[in-house]
Protein backbone atom coordinates (compact mmCIF):
# COMPACT_ATOMS: atom_id res chain seq x y z
CA MET A 1 -19.43 53.00 -47.72
CA THR A 2 -22.62 54.99 -48.23
CA GLU A 3 -24.88 55.42 -45.20
CA ASP A 4 -23.15 52.51 -43.43
CA VAL A 5 -23.82 50.18 -46.37
CA ASN A 6 -21.00 48.50 -48.27
CA LEU A 7 -21.75 49.09 -51.96
CA ALA A 8 -18.86 46.98 -53.25
CA ASN A 9 -21.06 43.92 -53.73
CA ARG A 10 -23.67 45.92 -55.66
CA SER A 11 -21.55 47.17 -58.55
CA GLY A 12 -18.65 46.25 -60.77
CA VAL A 13 -19.79 42.71 -61.60
CA GLY A 14 -21.20 41.89 -65.03
CA PRO A 15 -22.71 44.28 -67.57
CA PHE A 16 -24.87 47.20 -66.48
CA SER A 17 -28.38 47.73 -67.85
CA THR A 18 -30.49 50.64 -66.66
CA LEU A 19 -33.62 49.18 -68.22
CA LEU A 20 -33.25 45.84 -66.45
CA GLY A 21 -32.46 47.70 -63.25
CA TRP A 22 -35.86 49.39 -63.34
CA PHE A 23 -37.54 45.97 -63.29
CA GLY A 24 -35.15 44.07 -61.03
CA ASN A 25 -34.45 46.61 -58.32
CA ALA A 26 -38.04 46.68 -57.01
CA GLN A 27 -37.64 50.30 -55.98
CA LEU A 28 -39.27 53.31 -57.63
CA GLY A 29 -37.52 56.42 -56.41
CA PRO A 30 -37.81 56.50 -52.62
CA ILE A 31 -40.51 53.79 -52.53
CA TYR A 32 -39.35 50.23 -51.88
CA LEU A 33 -41.68 47.76 -53.54
CA GLY A 34 -40.28 44.31 -52.89
CA SER A 35 -41.68 41.19 -54.51
CA LEU A 36 -45.22 41.68 -53.19
CA GLY A 37 -45.21 45.30 -54.35
CA VAL A 38 -44.11 44.28 -57.84
CA LEU A 39 -46.82 41.60 -57.89
CA SER A 40 -49.39 44.15 -56.73
CA LEU A 41 -48.43 46.71 -59.38
CA PHE A 42 -48.40 44.05 -62.09
CA SER A 43 -51.83 42.73 -61.06
CA GLY A 44 -53.24 46.24 -60.81
CA LEU A 45 -51.96 47.10 -64.28
CA MET A 46 -53.44 43.87 -65.65
CA TRP A 47 -56.79 44.78 -64.05
CA PHE A 48 -56.63 48.24 -65.62
CA PHE A 49 -55.55 46.80 -68.99
CA THR A 50 -58.33 44.18 -68.97
CA ILE A 51 -61.03 46.76 -68.31
CA GLY A 52 -59.48 49.19 -70.81
CA ILE A 53 -59.40 46.60 -73.58
CA TRP A 54 -63.05 45.75 -72.92
CA PHE A 55 -63.99 49.42 -73.14
CA TRP A 56 -62.10 49.72 -76.44
CA TYR A 57 -63.96 46.65 -77.69
CA GLN A 58 -67.31 48.23 -76.71
CA ALA A 59 -66.30 51.39 -78.60
CA GLY A 60 -65.60 49.38 -81.73
CA TRP A 61 -61.90 50.37 -81.51
CA ASN A 62 -62.93 53.96 -82.40
CA PRO A 63 -61.05 56.63 -80.36
CA ALA A 64 -63.81 59.23 -80.80
CA VAL A 65 -66.50 56.85 -79.54
CA PHE A 66 -64.19 55.71 -76.74
CA LEU A 67 -63.71 59.27 -75.45
CA ARG A 68 -67.37 60.18 -75.96
CA ASP A 69 -68.83 57.16 -74.16
CA LEU A 70 -66.04 56.44 -71.67
CA PHE A 71 -68.21 57.08 -68.62
CA PHE A 72 -71.05 54.92 -69.98
CA PHE A 73 -69.04 51.75 -70.66
CA SER A 74 -69.12 48.98 -68.10
CA LEU A 75 -67.74 45.54 -67.43
CA GLU A 76 -70.69 43.49 -66.22
CA PRO A 77 -70.55 40.45 -63.89
CA PRO A 78 -71.88 37.08 -65.05
CA ALA A 79 -75.62 36.54 -65.19
CA PRO A 80 -77.28 34.66 -62.29
CA GLU A 81 -77.81 31.52 -64.39
CA TYR A 82 -74.03 30.88 -64.36
CA GLY A 83 -74.05 30.66 -60.56
CA LEU A 84 -70.64 30.61 -58.91
CA SER A 85 -68.95 28.78 -61.77
CA PHE A 86 -66.10 30.17 -63.81
CA ALA A 87 -67.63 28.87 -67.04
CA ALA A 88 -69.14 32.19 -68.16
CA PRO A 89 -68.13 33.26 -71.68
CA LEU A 90 -65.80 36.26 -71.85
CA LYS A 91 -68.45 38.56 -73.31
CA GLU A 92 -71.03 37.52 -70.70
CA GLY A 93 -69.07 38.08 -67.51
CA GLY A 94 -65.97 35.95 -67.93
CA LEU A 95 -63.81 39.02 -68.43
CA TRP A 96 -65.29 40.49 -65.25
CA LEU A 97 -64.15 37.37 -63.36
CA ILE A 98 -60.63 37.72 -64.78
CA ALA A 99 -60.46 41.43 -63.93
CA SER A 100 -61.79 40.76 -60.43
CA PHE A 101 -59.11 38.14 -59.88
CA PHE A 102 -56.39 40.62 -60.83
CA MET A 103 -57.88 43.23 -58.50
CA PHE A 104 -58.06 40.65 -55.69
CA VAL A 105 -54.39 39.76 -56.13
CA ALA A 106 -53.38 43.43 -56.37
CA VAL A 107 -55.16 44.50 -53.18
CA TRP A 108 -54.06 41.55 -51.04
CA SER A 109 -50.45 41.59 -52.24
CA TRP A 110 -50.27 45.34 -51.50
CA TRP A 111 -51.71 44.63 -48.05
CA GLY A 112 -49.06 41.95 -47.55
CA ARG A 113 -46.36 44.38 -48.65
CA THR A 114 -47.64 46.99 -46.20
CA TYR A 115 -47.76 44.42 -43.39
CA LEU A 116 -44.20 43.24 -44.07
CA ARG A 117 -42.89 46.81 -44.30
CA ALA A 118 -44.52 47.66 -40.96
CA GLN A 119 -43.00 44.54 -39.44
CA ALA A 120 -39.54 45.36 -40.83
CA LEU A 121 -39.72 48.93 -39.51
CA GLY A 122 -40.87 47.84 -36.05
CA MET A 123 -44.24 49.53 -36.33
CA GLY A 124 -47.36 48.27 -34.60
CA LYS A 125 -49.80 45.99 -36.32
CA PRO A 126 -53.49 45.45 -35.56
CA HIS A 127 -54.15 42.39 -33.42
CA ARG A 128 -55.54 39.37 -35.26
CA LEU A 129 -55.21 41.22 -38.59
CA GLY A 130 -57.87 43.75 -37.65
CA VAL A 131 -59.62 45.64 -34.90
CA PRO A 132 -62.29 43.57 -33.13
CA LEU A 133 -65.83 44.55 -34.05
CA ARG A 134 -66.72 45.33 -30.44
CA HIS A 135 -64.14 48.14 -30.49
CA LEU A 136 -65.66 49.61 -33.62
CA ALA A 137 -69.25 49.35 -32.43
CA VAL A 138 -68.73 50.59 -28.88
CA ASP A 139 -66.04 53.18 -29.63
CA GLY A 140 -68.15 54.61 -32.43
CA ALA A 141 -70.92 55.30 -29.92
CA GLY A 142 -68.51 57.18 -27.66
CA LEU A 143 -68.15 54.52 -24.96
CA HIS A 144 -64.96 52.76 -24.08
CA PRO A 145 -65.28 48.96 -24.19
CA SER A 146 -63.16 48.35 -21.09
CA ASP A 147 -65.22 50.70 -18.89
CA PRO A 148 -68.18 48.78 -17.38
CA HIS A 149 -69.88 52.00 -16.19
CA GLY A 150 -70.23 53.48 -19.66
CA VAL A 151 -68.11 56.62 -19.37
CA LEU A 152 -68.17 58.91 -22.36
CA VAL A 153 -64.71 59.70 -23.62
CA GLY A 154 -63.77 63.37 -23.97
CA SER A 155 -62.92 64.65 -27.42
CA GLY A 156 -59.30 65.64 -27.88
CA SER A 157 -56.68 64.95 -30.50
CA LEU A 158 -54.42 61.98 -31.15
CA ARG A 159 -51.45 64.06 -32.22
CA HIS A 160 -49.01 63.41 -29.40
CA LEU A 161 -48.72 59.63 -29.54
CA HIS A 162 -45.02 58.83 -29.82
CA ALA A 163 -44.23 55.16 -29.38
CA PRO A 164 -43.29 52.31 -31.68
CA ARG A 165 -46.35 50.31 -30.59
CA LEU A 166 -49.01 52.71 -31.80
CA ASP A 167 -51.75 50.07 -31.98
CA GLU A 168 -51.85 49.52 -28.20
CA GLN A 169 -52.17 53.23 -27.56
CA LEU A 170 -54.91 53.63 -30.13
CA LEU A 171 -56.92 50.77 -28.65
CA ALA A 172 -56.20 51.68 -25.01
CA ARG A 173 -58.43 54.75 -24.64
CA PRO A 174 -59.04 56.84 -27.77
CA ARG A 175 -60.00 60.42 -27.04
CA GLN A 176 -61.60 61.34 -30.33
CA HIS A 177 -64.44 59.54 -32.12
CA VAL A 178 -65.83 60.01 -35.57
CA LEU A 179 -69.47 60.05 -34.49
CA GLN A 180 -68.94 62.35 -31.50
CA PRO A 181 -69.30 66.12 -32.18
CA LEU A 182 -66.37 68.35 -31.30
CA PRO A 183 -67.46 71.06 -28.83
CA ARG A 184 -64.17 72.97 -29.28
CA SER A 185 -61.28 73.14 -31.69
CA LEU A 186 -58.62 70.45 -31.72
CA ASP A 187 -55.99 72.98 -30.61
CA GLN A 188 -57.53 73.03 -27.12
CA PRO A 189 -57.14 69.47 -25.78
CA SER A 190 -59.25 68.61 -22.80
CA SER A 191 -59.17 65.79 -20.30
CA THR A 192 -62.80 66.27 -19.28
CA VAL A 193 -64.70 63.01 -18.87
CA ARG A 194 -68.49 63.15 -18.76
CA PRO A 195 -70.14 60.18 -16.98
CA CYS A 196 -73.39 58.71 -18.23
CA SER A 197 -76.45 58.71 -16.03
CA SER A 198 -76.66 55.36 -14.22
CA ARG A 199 -80.34 54.40 -14.35
């Protein structure tokens, strides 16, 4: 028993291969990847490889030209005459479509991995897969959406939130806003609330 886990079913059966373990364990050091994490890393590497091969092609497979012009190479999207079709030739934007697909899969599978890890750890998740736009627009202006009188929220810090459902506390009444200037340092929290003029 190691950390209350029975390891008897994890070893002693069949041959042992360290190399295959790196690919099958889905864990890199302390980071658990899971199937979506492996898919995300694979897709991200394919995106990087696709763009890299195109840059090497533009350099004429010359390492000196590749290093010299690395920041001037680009992978261009298809021309407007191809519309939304996937029929663009590789050299005229088709490779851009392929690379964009790999990036799309990488980002969304990593998001899915993050969502599932948060769910498994009992952490809070944003409602409806995101914060409603009214929270972003009104909170950014310094007003709380649930206050009909338009009370400006005082600027403090969000350091002392300690609960498993962090999303409800963040959306309940945030005390610090990005667009609101800080009149004092964050080490001096204040509960001062300044009302707006009601005209």
